[in-house]
């Protein structure tokens, strides 16, 4: 006789909830990776803007003196 297939040996409702949990874990990991990349990009952009703003401000202060 043939060995039982993996879907027969696993309790179906339990397997479905496990599969759902795995999907949410991978979705969570993807979301985390995307938000990390977005955060890095936004951080560098803000840093550049802040440096430019500070340079302008210092220039303005020097010009006033």
PDB file of N, CA and C in Angstrom:
ATOM      1  N   UNK A   1       0.838  -1.201   0.000  1.00  0.00           N
ATOM      2  CA  UNK A   1       0.000   0.000   0.000  1.00  0.00           C
ATOM      3  C   UNK A   1       0.874   1.253   0.000  1.00  0.00           C
ATOM      4  N   UNK A   2       0.281   2.358  -0.402  1.00  0.00           N
ATOM      5  CA  UNK A   2       1.011   3.619  -0.481  1.00  0.00           C
ATOM      6  C   UNK A   2       1.106   4.271   0.902  1.00  0.00           C
ATOM      7  N   UNK A   3       2.215   4.951   1.198  1.00  0.00           N
ATOM      8  CA  UNK A   3       2.305   5.660   2.477  1.00  0.00           C
ATOM      9  C   UNK A   3       1.328   6.841   2.479  1.00  0.00           C
ATOM     10  N   UNK A   4       0.808   7.192   3.652  1.00  0.00           N
ATOM     11  CA  UNK A   4      -0.145   8.308   3.693  1.00  0.00           C
ATOM     12  C   UNK A   4       0.532   9.605   3.269  1.00  0.00           C
ATOM     13  N   UNK A   5      -0.181  10.439   2.519  1.00  0.00           N
ATOM     14  CA  UNK A   5       0.398  11.716   2.077  1.00  0.00           C
ATOM     15  C   UNK A   5       0.481  12.661   3.268  1.00  0.00           C
ATOM     16  N   UNK A   6       1.296  13.686   3.143  1.00  0.00           N
ATOM     17  CA  UNK A   6       1.512  14.598   4.276  1.00  0.00           C
ATOM     18  C   UNK A   6       0.231  15.310   4.684  1.00  0.00           C
ATOM     19  N   UNK A   7      -0.654  15.619   3.718  1.00  0.00           N
ATOM     20  CA  UNK A   7      -1.896  16.320   4.063  1.00  0.00           C
ATOM     21  C   UNK A   7      -2.842  15.409   4.850  1.00  0.00           C
ATOM     22  N   UNK A   8      -2.757  14.070   4.628  1.00  0.00           N
ATOM     23  CA  UNK A   8      -3.596  13.138   5.375  1.00  0.00           C
ATOM     24  C   UNK A   8      -3.104  12.987   6.815  1.00  0.00           C
ATOM     25  N   UNK A   9      -1.795  13.034   7.006  1.00  0.00           N
ATOM     26  CA  UNK A   9      -1.257  12.772   8.336  1.00  0.00           C
ATOM     27  C   UNK A   9      -1.346  13.994   9.256  1.00  0.00           C
ATOM     28  N   UNK A  10      -1.513  15.179   8.696  1.00  0.00           N
ATOM     29  CA  UNK A  10      -1.597  16.394   9.514  1.00  0.00           C
ATOM     30  C   UNK A  10      -3.062  16.756   9.709  1.00  0.00           C
ATOM     31  N   UNK A  11      -3.409  17.123  10.936  1.00  0.00           N
ATOM     32  CA  UNK A  11      -4.779  17.544  11.229  1.00  0.00           C
ATOM     33  C   UNK A  11      -5.070  18.820  10.425  1.00  0.00           C
ATOM     34  N   UNK A  12      -6.058  18.789   9.546  1.00  0.00           N
ATOM     35  CA  UNK A  12      -6.305  19.869   8.588  1.00  0.00           C
ATOM     36  C   UNK A  12      -6.517  21.249   9.230  1.00  0.00           C
ATOM     37  N   UNK A  13      -7.406  21.398  10.222  1.00  0.00           N
ATOM     38  CA  UNK A  13      -7.602  22.739  10.793  1.00  0.00           C
ATOM     39  C   UNK A  13      -6.330  23.299  11.431  1.00  0.00           C
ATOM     40  N   UNK A  14      -5.589  22.441  12.093  1.00  0.00           N
ATOM     41  CA  UNK A  14      -4.341  22.864  12.731  1.00  0.00           C
ATOM     42  C   UNK A  14      -3.346  23.312  11.661  1.00  0.00           C
ATOM     43  N   UNK A  15      -3.258  22.535  10.580  1.00  0.00           N
ATOM     44  CA  UNK A  15      -2.333  22.854   9.496  1.00  0.00           C
ATOM     45  C   UNK A  15      -2.712  24.184   8.838  1.00  0.00           C
ATOM     46  N   UNK A  16      -4.020  24.399   8.663  1.00  0.00           N
ATOM     47  CA  UNK A  16      -4.481  25.647   8.035  1.00  0.00           C
ATOM     48  C   UNK A  16      -4.110  26.855   8.899  1.00  0.00           C
ATOM     49  N   UNK A  17      -4.317  26.748  10.208  1.00  0.00           N
ATOM     50  CA  UNK A  17      -3.990  27.891  11.073  1.00  0.00           C
ATOM     51  C   UNK A  17      -2.479  28.121  11.098  1.00  0.00           C
ATOM     52  N   UNK A  18      -1.708  27.025  11.030  1.00  0.00           N
ATOM     53  CA  UNK A  18      -0.250  27.149  10.988  1.00  0.00           C
ATOM     54  C   UNK A  18       0.165  27.834   9.693  1.00  0.00           C
ATOM     55  N   UNK A  19      -0.446  27.433   8.577  1.00  0.00           N
ATOM     56  CA  UNK A  19      -0.129  28.041   7.289  1.00  0.00           C
ATOM     57  C   UNK A  19      -0.483  29.524   7.304  1.00  0.00           C
ATOM     58  N   UNK A  20      -1.620  29.855   7.902  1.00  0.00           N
ATOM     59  CA  UNK A  20      -2.027  31.256   7.991  1.00  0.00           C
ATOM     60  C   UNK A  20      -1.013  32.050   8.816  1.00  0.00           C
ATOM     61  N   UNK A  21      -0.545  31.447   9.899  1.00  0.00           N
ATOM     62  CA  UNK A  21       0.439  32.103  10.755  1.00  0.00           C
ATOM     63  C   UNK A  21       1.745  32.317   9.997  1.00  0.00           C
ATOM     64  N   UNK A  22       2.138  31.351   9.193  1.00  0.00           N
ATOM     65  CA  UNK A  22       3.369  31.468   8.411  1.00  0.00           C
ATOM     66  C   UNK A  22       3.250  32.611   7.400  1.00  0.00           C
ATOM     67  N   UNK A  23       2.093  32.729   6.776  1.00  0.00           N
ATOM     68  CA  UNK A  23       1.881  33.800   5.809  1.00  0.00           C
ATOM     69  C   UNK A  23       1.994  35.144   6.515  1.00  0.00           C
ATOM     70  N   UNK A  24       1.382  35.255   7.679  1.00  0.00           N
ATOM     71  CA  UNK A  24       1.434  36.531   8.390  1.00  0.00           C
ATOM     72  C   UNK A  24       2.862  36.837   8.849  1.00  0.00           C
ATOM     73  N   UNK A  25       3.629  35.807   9.192  1.00  0.00           N
ATOM     74  CA  UNK A  25       5.023  36.031   9.577  1.00  0.00           C
ATOM     75  C   UNK A  25       5.833  36.550   8.400  1.00  0.00           C
ATOM     76  N   UNK A  26       5.639  35.951   7.224  1.00  0.00           N
ATOM     77  CA  UNK A  26       6.393  36.414   6.057  1.00  0.00           C
ATOM     78  C   UNK A  26       5.925  37.801   5.648  1.00  0.00           C
ATOM     79  N   UNK A  27       4.623  38.061   5.759  1.00  0.00           N
ATOM     80  CA  UNK A  27       4.119  39.396   5.439  1.00  0.00           C
ATOM     81  C   UNK A  27       4.699  40.409   6.413  1.00  0.00           C
ATOM     82  N   UNK A  28       4.778  40.034   7.664  1.00  0.00           N
ATOM     83  CA  UNK A  28       5.339  40.912   8.692  1.00  0.00           C
ATOM     84  C   UNK A  28       6.824  41.179   8.407  1.00  0.00           C
ATOM     85  N   UNK A  29       7.546  40.153   8.017  1.00  0.00           N
ATOM     86  CA  UNK A  29       8.970  40.312   7.703  1.00  0.00           C
ATOM     87  C   UNK A  29       9.159  41.230   6.505  1.00  0.00           C
ATOM     88  N   UNK A  30       8.318  41.050   5.483  1.00  0.00           N
ATOM     89  CA  UNK A  30       8.406  41.914   4.298  1.00  0.00           C
ATOM     90  C   UNK A  30       8.100  43.355   4.674  1.00  0.00           C
ATOM     91  N   UNK A  31       7.043  43.535   5.468  1.00  0.00           N
ATOM     92  CA  UNK A  31       6.663  44.881   5.899  1.00  0.00           C
ATOM     93  C   UNK A  31       7.796  45.523   6.695  1.00  0.00           C
ATOM     94  N   UNK A  32       8.405  44.741   7.568  1.00  0.00           N
ATOM     95  CA  UNK A  32       9.525  45.250   8.364  1.00  0.00           C
ATOM     96  C   UNK A  32      10.699  45.661   7.489  1.00  0.00           C
ATOM     97  N   UNK A  33      11.028  44.839   6.499  1.00  0.00           N
ATOM     98  CA  UNK A  33      12.146  45.148   5.604  1.00  0.00           C
ATOM     99  C   UNK A  33      11.861  46.406   4.787  1.00  0.00           C
ATOM    100  N   UNK A  34      10.645  46.504   4.258  1.00  0.00           N
ATOM    101  CA  UNK A  34      10.272  47.676   3.457  1.00  0.00           C
ATOM    102  C   UNK A  34      10.315  48.937   4.310  1.00  0.00           C
ATOM    103  N   UNK A  35       9.744  48.866   5.514  1.00  0.00           N
ATOM    104  CA  UNK A  35       9.726  50.068   6.360  1.00  0.00           C
ATOM    105  C   UNK A  35      11.137  50.448   6.807  1.00  0.00           C
ATOM    106  N   UNK A  36      12.020  49.465   6.979  1.00  0.00           N
ATOM    107  CA  UNK A  36      13.410  49.770   7.329  1.00  0.00           C
ATOM    108  C   UNK A  36      14.088  50.538   6.197  1.00  0.00           C
ATOM    109  N   UNK A  37      13.903  50.047   4.961  1.00  0.00           N
ATOM    110  CA  UNK A  37      14.512  50.701   3.790  1.00  0.00           C
ATOM    111  C   UNK A  37      13.962  52.120   3.641  1.00  0.00           C
ATOM    112  N   UNK A  38      12.635  52.254   3.782  1.00  0.00           N
ATOM    113  CA  UNK A  38      12.013  53.579   3.680  1.00  0.00           C
ATOM    114  C   UNK A  38      12.570  54.500   4.765  1.00  0.00           C
ATOM    115  N   UNK A  39      12.714  53.980   5.964  1.00  0.00           N
ATOM    116  CA  UNK A  39      13.266  54.776   7.063  1.00  0.00           C
ATOM    117  C   UNK A  39      14.681  55.243   6.790  1.00  0.00           C
ATOM    118  N   UNK A  40      15.503  54.374   6.217  1.00  0.00           N
ATOM    119  CA  UNK A  40      16.885  54.742   5.889  1.00  0.00           C
ATOM    120  C   UNK A  40      16.896  55.845   4.832  1.00  0.00           C
ATOM    121  N   UNK A  41      16.080  55.683   3.783  1.00  0.00           N
ATOM    122  CA  UNK A  41      16.015  56.685   2.708  1.00  0.00           C
ATOM    123  C   UNK A  41      15.547  58.030   3.261  1.00  0.00           C
ATOM    124  N   UNK A  42      14.469  58.007   4.050  1.00  0.00           N
ATOM    125  CA  UNK A  42      13.938  59.246   4.633  1.00  0.00           C
ATOM    126  C   UNK A  42      14.969  59.873   5.565  1.00  0.00           C
ATOM    127  N   UNK A  43      15.659  59.051   6.338  1.00  0.00           N
ATOM    128  CA  UNK A  43      16.685  59.558   7.249  1.00  0.00           C
ATOM    129  C   UNK A  43      17.805  60.276   6.523  1.00  0.00           C
ATOM    130  N   UNK A  44      18.307  59.670   5.437  1.00  0.00           N
ATOM    131  CA  UNK A  44      19.372  60.307   4.669  1.00  0.00           C
ATOM    132  C   UNK A  44      18.890  61.600   4.025  1.00  0.00           C
ATOM    133  N   UNK A  45      17.651  61.589   3.512  1.00  0.00           N
ATOM    134  CA  UNK A  45      17.087  62.795   2.893  1.00  0.00           C
ATOM    135  C   UNK A  45      16.987  63.915   3.922  1.00  0.00           C
ATOM    136  N   UNK A  46      16.467  63.584   5.100  1.00  0.00           N
ATOM    137  CA  UNK A  46      16.340  64.594   6.151  1.00  0.00           C
ATOM    138  C   UNK A  46      17.709  65.115   6.584  1.00  0.00           C
ATOM    139  N   UNK A  47      18.684  64.216   6.642  1.00  0.00           N
ATOM    140  CA  UNK A  47      20.030  64.615   7.047  1.00  0.00           C
ATOM    141  C   UNK A  47      20.602  65.620   6.048  1.00  0.00           C
ATOM    142  N   UNK A  48      20.422  65.345   4.748  1.00  0.00           N
ATOM    143  CA  UNK A  48      20.903  66.263   3.712  1.00  0.00           C
ATOM    144  C   UNK A  48      20.209  67.614   3.833  1.00  0.00           C
ATOM    145  N   UNK A  49      18.871  67.568   3.986  1.00  0.00           N
ATOM    146  CA  UNK A  49      18.115  68.819   4.109  1.00  0.00           C
ATOM    147  C   UNK A  49      18.552  69.607   5.329  1.00  0.00           C
ATOM    148  N   UNK A  50      18.753  68.909   6.441  1.00  0.00           N
ATOM    149  CA  UNK A  50      19.160  69.565   7.685  1.00  0.00           C
ATOM    150  C   UNK A  50      20.531  70.211   7.523  1.00  0.00           C
ATOM    151  N   UNK A  51      21.451  69.518   6.852  1.00  0.00           N
ATOM    152  CA  UNK A  51      22.786  70.080   6.629  1.00  0.00           C
ATOM    153  C   UNK A  51      22.710  71.329   5.766  1.00  0.00           C
ATOM    154  N   UNK A  52      21.886  71.254   4.694  1.00  0.00           N
ATOM    155  CA  UNK A  52      21.723  72.415   3.814  1.00  0.00           C
ATOM    156  C   UNK A  52      21.153  73.603   4.583  1.00  0.00           C
ATOM    157  N   UNK A  53      20.120  73.314   5.383  1.00  0.00           N
ATOM    158  CA  UNK A  53      19.463  74.359   6.168  1.00  0.00           C
ATOM    159  C   UNK A  53      20.444  74.980   7.159  1.00  0.00           C
ATOM    160  N   UNK A  54      21.241  74.126   7.818  1.00  0.00           N
ATOM    161  CA  UNK A  54      22.223  74.617   8.787  1.00  0.00           C
ATOM    162  C   UNK A  54      23.289  75.459   8.093  1.00  0.00           C
ATOM    163  N   UNK A  55      23.719  75.031   6.911  1.00  0.00           N
ATOM    164  CA  UNK A  55      24.733  75.780   6.164  1.00  0.00           C
ATOM    165  C   UNK A  55      24.192  77.163   5.786  1.00  0.00           C
ATOM    166  N   UNK A  56      22.955  77.206   5.309  1.00  0.00           N
ATOM    167  CA  UNK A  56      22.335  78.493   4.953  1.00  0.00           C
ATOM    168  C   UNK A  56      22.230  79.390   6.177  1.00  0.00           C
ATOM    169  N   UNK A  57      21.804  78.798   7.295  1.00  0.00           N
ATOM    170  CA  UNK A  57      21.637  79.562   8.524  1.00  0.00           C
ATOM    171  C   UNK A  57      22.980  80.135   8.988  1.00  0.00           C
ATOM    172  N   UNK A  58      24.035  79.327   8.946  1.00  0.00           N
ATOM    173  CA  UNK A  58      25.363  79.788   9.361  1.00  0.00           C
ATOM    174  C   UNK A  58      25.871  80.883   8.433  1.00  0.00           C
ATOM    175  N   UNK A  59      25.608  80.723   7.140  1.00  0.00           N
ATOM    176  CA  UNK A  59      26.012  81.728   6.162  1.00  0.00           C
ATOM    177  C   UNK A  59      25.314  83.053   6.466  1.00  0.00           C
ATOM    178  N   UNK A  60      24.008  82.965   6.747  1.00  0.00           N
ATOM    179  CA  UNK A  60      23.208  84.151   7.048  1.00  0.00           C
ATOM    180  C   UNK A  60      23.744  84.847   8.307  1.00  0.00           C
ATOM    181  N   UNK A  61      24.097  84.041   9.319  1.00  0.00           N
ATOM    182  CA  UNK A  61      24.625  84.602  10.564  1.00  0.00           C
ATOM    183  C   UNK A  61      25.973  85.296  10.306  1.00  0.00           C
ATOM    184  N   UNK A  62      26.836  84.671   9.473  1.00  0.00           N
ATOM    185  CA  UNK A  62      28.128  85.262   9.147  1.00  0.00           C
ATOM    186  C   UNK A  62      27.955  86.575   8.397  1.00  0.00           C
ATOM    187  N   UNK A  63      27.003  86.603   7.458  1.00  0.00           N
ATOM    188  CA  UNK A  63      26.743  87.789   6.660  1.00  0.00           C
ATOM    189  C   UNK A  63      26.236  88.939   7.517  1.00  0.00           C
ATOM    190  N   UNK A  64      25.469  88.626   8.539  1.00  0.00           N
ATOM    191  CA  UNK A  64      24.929  89.656   9.424  1.00  0.00           C
ATOM    192  C   UNK A  64      26.013  90.345  10.240  1.00  0.00           C
ATOM    193  N   UNK A  65      27.063  89.613  10.556  1.00  0.00           N
ATOM    194  CA  UNK A  65      28.110  90.192  11.414  1.00  0.00           C
ATOM    195  C   UNK A  65      28.992  91.160  10.677  1.00  0.00           C
TER     196      UNK A  65
END
